[in-house]
Amino acid sequence: MGSWMNDSGFWVFAKMSGLTEVEALKSWTLLLLVLGGVSFLSTLAFATLLPLV
């Protein structure tokens, strides 16, 4: 689950960058996809390198 247009961070990003709602939504979605992918791959890497068991 990601944040969407009801997230205050989205509106801060949209208004401060001067983007329209559609442009901000497209770039925010891409940002969340990249962030999620990097987080997932980092978790897998650390779980492999530093197992807890």
PDB file of N, CA and C in Angstrom:
ATOM      1  N   MET A   1       0.843  -1.179   0.000  1.00  0.00           N
ATOM      2  CA  MET A   1       0.000   0.000   0.000  1.00  0.00           C
ATOM      3  C   MET A   1       0.884   1.237   0.000  1.00  0.00           C
ATOM      4  N   GLY A   2       0.528   2.145  -0.813  1.00  0.00           N
ATOM      5  CA  GLY A   2       1.266   3.400  -0.856  1.00  0.00           C
ATOM      6  C   GLY A   2       0.353   4.561  -0.531  1.00  0.00           C
ATOM      7  N   SER A   3       0.952   5.700  -0.422  1.00  0.00           N
ATOM      8  CA  SER A   3       0.141   6.892  -0.182  1.00  0.00           C
ATOM      9  C   SER A   3      -0.403   7.404  -1.507  1.00  0.00           C
ATOM     10  N   TRP A   4      -1.426   8.204  -1.437  1.00  0.00           N
ATOM     11  CA  TRP A   4      -2.064   8.705  -2.642  1.00  0.00           C
ATOM     12  C   TRP A   4      -2.461  10.147  -2.429  1.00  0.00           C
ATOM     13  N   MET A   5      -3.498  10.621  -3.079  1.00  0.00           N
ATOM     14  CA  MET A   5      -3.862  12.029  -3.037  1.00  0.00           C
ATOM     15  C   MET A   5      -4.390  12.476  -1.674  1.00  0.00           C
ATOM     16  N   ASN A   6      -4.703  11.556  -0.784  1.00  0.00           N
ATOM     17  CA  ASN A   6      -5.139  11.961   0.552  1.00  0.00           C
ATOM     18  C   ASN A   6      -3.960  12.061   1.518  1.00  0.00           C
ATOM     19  N   ASP A   7      -2.755  11.882   1.016  1.00  0.00           N
ATOM     20  CA  ASP A   7      -1.549  12.000   1.821  1.00  0.00           C
ATOM     21  C   ASP A   7      -1.056  13.444   1.793  1.00  0.00           C
ATOM     22  N   SER A   8      -0.780  14.004   2.949  1.00  0.00           N
ATOM     23  CA  SER A   8      -0.321  15.399   2.998  1.00  0.00           C
ATOM     24  C   SER A   8       1.028  15.566   2.310  1.00  0.00           C
ATOM     25  N   GLY A   9       1.866  14.530   2.342  1.00  0.00           N
ATOM     26  CA  GLY A   9       3.157  14.597   1.660  1.00  0.00           C
ATOM     27  C   GLY A   9       3.004  14.769   0.160  1.00  0.00           C
ATOM     28  N   PHE A  10       1.978  14.153  -0.400  1.00  0.00           N
ATOM     29  CA  PHE A  10       1.706  14.309  -1.829  1.00  0.00           C
ATOM     30  C   PHE A  10       1.404  15.760  -2.158  1.00  0.00           C
ATOM     31  N   TRP A  11       0.581  16.404  -1.341  1.00  0.00           N
ATOM     32  CA  TRP A  11       0.190  17.785  -1.623  1.00  0.00           C
ATOM     33  C   TRP A  11       1.339  18.751  -1.413  1.00  0.00           C
ATOM     34  N   VAL A  12       2.175  18.503  -0.417  1.00  0.00           N
ATOM     35  CA  VAL A  12       3.362  19.345  -0.233  1.00  0.00           C
ATOM     36  C   VAL A  12       4.255  19.224  -1.459  1.00  0.00           C
ATOM     37  N   PHE A  13       4.476  17.994  -1.915  1.00  0.00           N
ATOM     38  CA  PHE A  13       5.282  17.748  -3.109  1.00  0.00           C
ATOM     39  C   PHE A  13       4.670  18.426  -4.328  1.00  0.00           C
ATOM     40  N   ALA A  14       3.364  18.287  -4.512  1.00  0.00           N
ATOM     41  CA  ALA A  14       2.694  18.840  -5.694  1.00  0.00           C
ATOM     42  C   ALA A  14       2.730  20.362  -5.703  1.00  0.00           C
ATOM     43  N   LYS A  15       2.430  20.979  -4.579  1.00  0.00           N
ATOM     44  CA  LYS A  15       2.361  22.444  -4.529  1.00  0.00           C
ATOM     45  C   LYS A  15       3.743  23.089  -4.562  1.00  0.00           C
ATOM     46  N   MET A  16       4.710  22.499  -3.864  1.00  0.00           N
ATOM     47  CA  MET A  16       6.050  23.088  -3.826  1.00  0.00           C
ATOM     48  C   MET A  16       6.775  22.934  -5.159  1.00  0.00           C
ATOM     49  N   SER A  17       6.454  21.883  -5.917  1.00  0.00           N
ATOM     50  CA  SER A  17       7.119  21.671  -7.204  1.00  0.00           C
ATOM     51  C   SER A  17       6.419  22.401  -8.341  1.00  0.00           C
ATOM     52  N   GLY A  18       5.204  22.893  -8.107  1.00  0.00           N
ATOM     53  CA  GLY A  18       4.480  23.624  -9.138  1.00  0.00           C
ATOM     54  C   GLY A  18       3.885  22.734 -10.217  1.00  0.00           C
ATOM     55  N   LEU A  19       3.714  21.461  -9.921  1.00  0.00           N
ATOM     56  CA  LEU A  19       3.147  20.527 -10.890  1.00  0.00           C
ATOM     57  C   LEU A  19       1.627  20.532 -10.812  1.00  0.00           C
ATOM     58  N   THR A  20       0.993  20.125 -11.908  1.00  0.00           N
ATOM     59  CA  THR A  20      -0.450  19.925 -11.868  1.00  0.00           C
ATOM     60  C   THR A  20      -0.724  18.636 -11.094  1.00  0.00           C
ATOM     61  N   GLU A  21      -1.990  18.390 -10.778  1.00  0.00           N
ATOM     62  CA  GLU A  21      -2.329  17.172 -10.033  1.00  0.00           C
ATOM     63  C   GLU A  21      -1.954  15.918 -10.811  1.00  0.00           C
ATOM     64  N   VAL A  22      -2.190  15.928 -12.115  1.00  0.00           N
ATOM     65  CA  VAL A  22      -1.884  14.753 -12.944  1.00  0.00           C
ATOM     66  C   VAL A  22      -0.375  14.528 -13.007  1.00  0.00           C
ATOM     67  N   GLU A  23       0.393  15.591 -13.224  1.00  0.00           N
ATOM     68  CA  GLU A  23       1.850  15.466 -13.285  1.00  0.00           C
ATOM     69  C   GLU A  23       2.415  15.003 -11.949  1.00  0.00           C
ATOM     70  N   ALA A  24       1.908  15.574 -10.870  1.00  0.00           N
ATOM     71  CA  ALA A  24       2.387  15.193  -9.543  1.00  0.00           C
ATOM     72  C   ALA A  24       2.046  13.744  -9.236  1.00  0.00           C
ATOM     73  N   LEU A  25       0.858  13.303  -9.618  1.00  0.00           N
ATOM     74  CA  LEU A  25       0.458  11.921  -9.362  1.00  0.00           C
ATOM     75  C   LEU A  25       1.332  10.945 -10.136  1.00  0.00           C
ATOM     76  N   LYS A  26       1.653  11.278 -11.383  1.00  0.00           N
ATOM     77  CA  LYS A  26       2.528  10.409 -12.183  1.00  0.00           C
ATOM     78  C   LYS A  26       3.921  10.312 -11.566  1.00  0.00           C
ATOM     79  N   SER A  27       4.498  11.442 -11.193  1.00  0.00           N
ATOM     80  CA  SER A  27       5.848  11.411 -10.642  1.00  0.00           C
ATOM     81  C   SER A  27       5.860  10.829  -9.227  1.00  0.00           C
ATOM     82  N   TRP A  28       4.825  11.071  -8.430  1.00  0.00           N
ATOM     83  CA  TRP A  28       4.730  10.517  -7.072  1.00  0.00           C
ATOM     84  C   TRP A  28       4.610   8.996  -7.134  1.00  0.00           C
ATOM     85  N   THR A  29       3.832   8.498  -8.099  1.00  0.00           N
ATOM     86  CA  THR A  29       3.678   7.056  -8.258  1.00  0.00           C
ATOM     87  C   THR A  29       5.005   6.416  -8.634  1.00  0.00           C
ATOM     88  N   LEU A  30       5.727   7.035  -9.573  1.00  0.00           N
ATOM     89  CA  LEU A  30       7.039   6.521  -9.965  1.00  0.00           C
ATOM     90  C   LEU A  30       8.003   6.549  -8.782  1.00  0.00           C
ATOM     91  N   LEU A  31       7.981   7.628  -8.029  1.00  0.00           N
ATOM     92  CA  LEU A  31       8.834   7.749  -6.849  1.00  0.00           C
ATOM     93  C   LEU A  31       8.552   6.628  -5.853  1.00  0.00           C
ATOM     94  N   LEU A  32       7.280   6.344  -5.597  1.00  0.00           N
ATOM     95  CA  LEU A  32       6.923   5.290  -4.646  1.00  0.00           C
ATOM     96  C   LEU A  32       7.314   3.909  -5.158  1.00  0.00           C
ATOM     97  N   LEU A  33       7.193   3.681  -6.465  1.00  0.00           N
ATOM     98  CA  LEU A  33       7.605   2.396  -7.034  1.00  0.00           C
ATOM     99  C   LEU A  33       9.110   2.185  -6.880  1.00  0.00           C
ATOM    100  N   VAL A  34       9.880   3.209  -7.170  1.00  0.00           N
ATOM    101  CA  VAL A  34      11.335   3.112  -7.031  1.00  0.00           C
ATOM    102  C   VAL A  34      11.715   2.917  -5.566  1.00  0.00           C
ATOM    103  N   LEU A  35      11.110   3.691  -4.686  1.00  0.00           N
ATOM    104  CA  LEU A  35      11.396   3.577  -3.258  1.00  0.00           C
ATOM    105  C   LEU A  35      11.042   2.185  -2.727  1.00  0.00           C
ATOM    106  N   GLY A  36       9.907   1.659  -3.139  1.00  0.00           N
ATOM    107  CA  GLY A  36       9.502   0.324  -2.711  1.00  0.00           C
ATOM    108  C   GLY A  36      10.432  -0.755  -3.226  1.00  0.00           C
ATOM    109  N   GLY A  37      10.839  -0.634  -4.492  1.00  0.00           N
ATOM    110  CA  GLY A  37      11.757  -1.614  -5.073  1.00  0.00           C
ATOM    111  C   GLY A  37      13.116  -1.608  -4.397  1.00  0.00           C
ATOM    112  N   VAL A  38      13.656  -0.427  -4.160  1.00  0.00           N
ATOM    113  CA  VAL A  38      14.956  -0.313  -3.493  1.00  0.00           C
ATOM    114  C   VAL A  38      14.869  -0.836  -2.060  1.00  0.00           C
ATOM    115  N   SER A  39      13.798  -0.529  -1.374  1.00  0.00           N
ATOM    116  CA  SER A  39      13.619  -1.018  -0.003  1.00  0.00           C
ATOM    117  C   SER A  39      13.526  -2.538   0.036  1.00  0.00           C
ATOM    118  N   PHE A  40      12.781  -3.105  -0.901  1.00  0.00           N
ATOM    119  CA  PHE A  40      12.633  -4.561  -0.953  1.00  0.00           C
ATOM    120  C   PHE A  40      13.969  -5.236  -1.241  1.00  0.00           C
ATOM    121  N   LEU A  41      14.703  -4.718  -2.228  1.00  0.00           N
ATOM    122  CA  LEU A  41      15.995  -5.312  -2.572  1.00  0.00           C
ATOM    123  C   LEU A  41      17.008  -5.140  -1.442  1.00  0.00           C
ATOM    124  N   SER A  42      16.963  -4.021  -0.754  1.00  0.00           N
ATOM    125  CA  SER A  42      17.852  -3.814   0.397  1.00  0.00           C
ATOM    126  C   SER A  42      17.536  -4.806   1.514  1.00  0.00           C
ATOM    127  N   THR A  43      16.258  -5.032   1.752  1.00  0.00           N
ATOM    128  CA  THR A  43      15.850  -5.990   2.777  1.00  0.00           C
ATOM    129  C   THR A  43      16.321  -7.392   2.429  1.00  0.00           C
ATOM    130  N   LEU A  44      16.168  -7.781   1.172  1.00  0.00           N
ATOM    131  CA  LEU A  44      16.644  -9.102   0.748  1.00  0.00           C
ATOM    132  C   LEU A  44      18.154  -9.226   0.891  1.00  0.00           C
ATOM    133  N   ALA A  45      18.874  -8.187   0.500  1.00  0.00           N
ATOM    134  CA  ALA A  45      20.333  -8.225   0.593  1.00  0.00           C
ATOM    135  C   ALA A  45      20.790  -8.337   2.045  1.00  0.00           C
ATOM    136  N   PHE A  46      20.223  -7.525   2.921  1.00  0.00           N
ATOM    137  CA  PHE A  46      20.620  -7.580   4.325  1.00  0.00           C
ATOM    138  C   PHE A  46      20.184  -8.879   4.988  1.00  0.00           C
ATOM    139  N   ALA A  47      19.053  -9.434   4.594  1.00  0.00           N
ATOM    140  CA  ALA A  47      18.609 -10.709   5.159  1.00  0.00           C
ATOM    141  C   ALA A  47      19.543 -11.840   4.739  1.00  0.00           C
ATOM    142  N   THR A  48      20.103 -11.732   3.546  1.00  0.00           N
ATOM    143  CA  THR A  48      21.039 -12.748   3.070  1.00  0.00           C
ATOM    144  C   THR A  48      22.408 -12.580   3.727  1.00  0.00           C
ATOM    145  N   LEU A  49      22.859 -11.335   3.832  1.00  0.00           N
ATOM    146  CA  LEU A  49      24.189 -11.079   4.378  1.00  0.00           C
ATOM    147  C   LEU A  49      24.244 -11.185   5.898  1.00  0.00           C
ATOM    148  N   LEU A  50      23.168 -10.804   6.562  1.00  0.00           N
ATOM    149  CA  LEU A  50      23.136 -10.790   8.026  1.00  0.00           C
ATOM    150  C   LEU A  50      21.897 -11.516   8.550  1.00  0.00           C
ATOM    151  N   PRO A  51      21.847 -12.833   8.391  1.00  0.00           N
ATOM    152  CA  PRO A  51      20.651 -13.553   8.858  1.00  0.00           C
ATOM    153  C   PRO A  51      20.537 -13.498  10.385  1.00  0.00           C
ATOM    154  N   LEU A  52      19.308 -13.474  10.867  1.00  0.00           N
ATOM    155  CA  LEU A  52      19.072 -13.396  12.307  1.00  0.00           C
ATOM    156  C   LEU A  52      19.143 -14.753  12.991  1.00  0.00           C
ATOM    157  N   VAL A  53      19.099 -15.817  12.229  1.00  0.00           N
ATOM    158  CA  VAL A  53      19.111 -17.155  12.824  1.00  0.00           C
ATOM    159  C   VAL A  53      20.418 -17.842  12.554  1.00  0.00           C
TER     160      VAL A  53
END
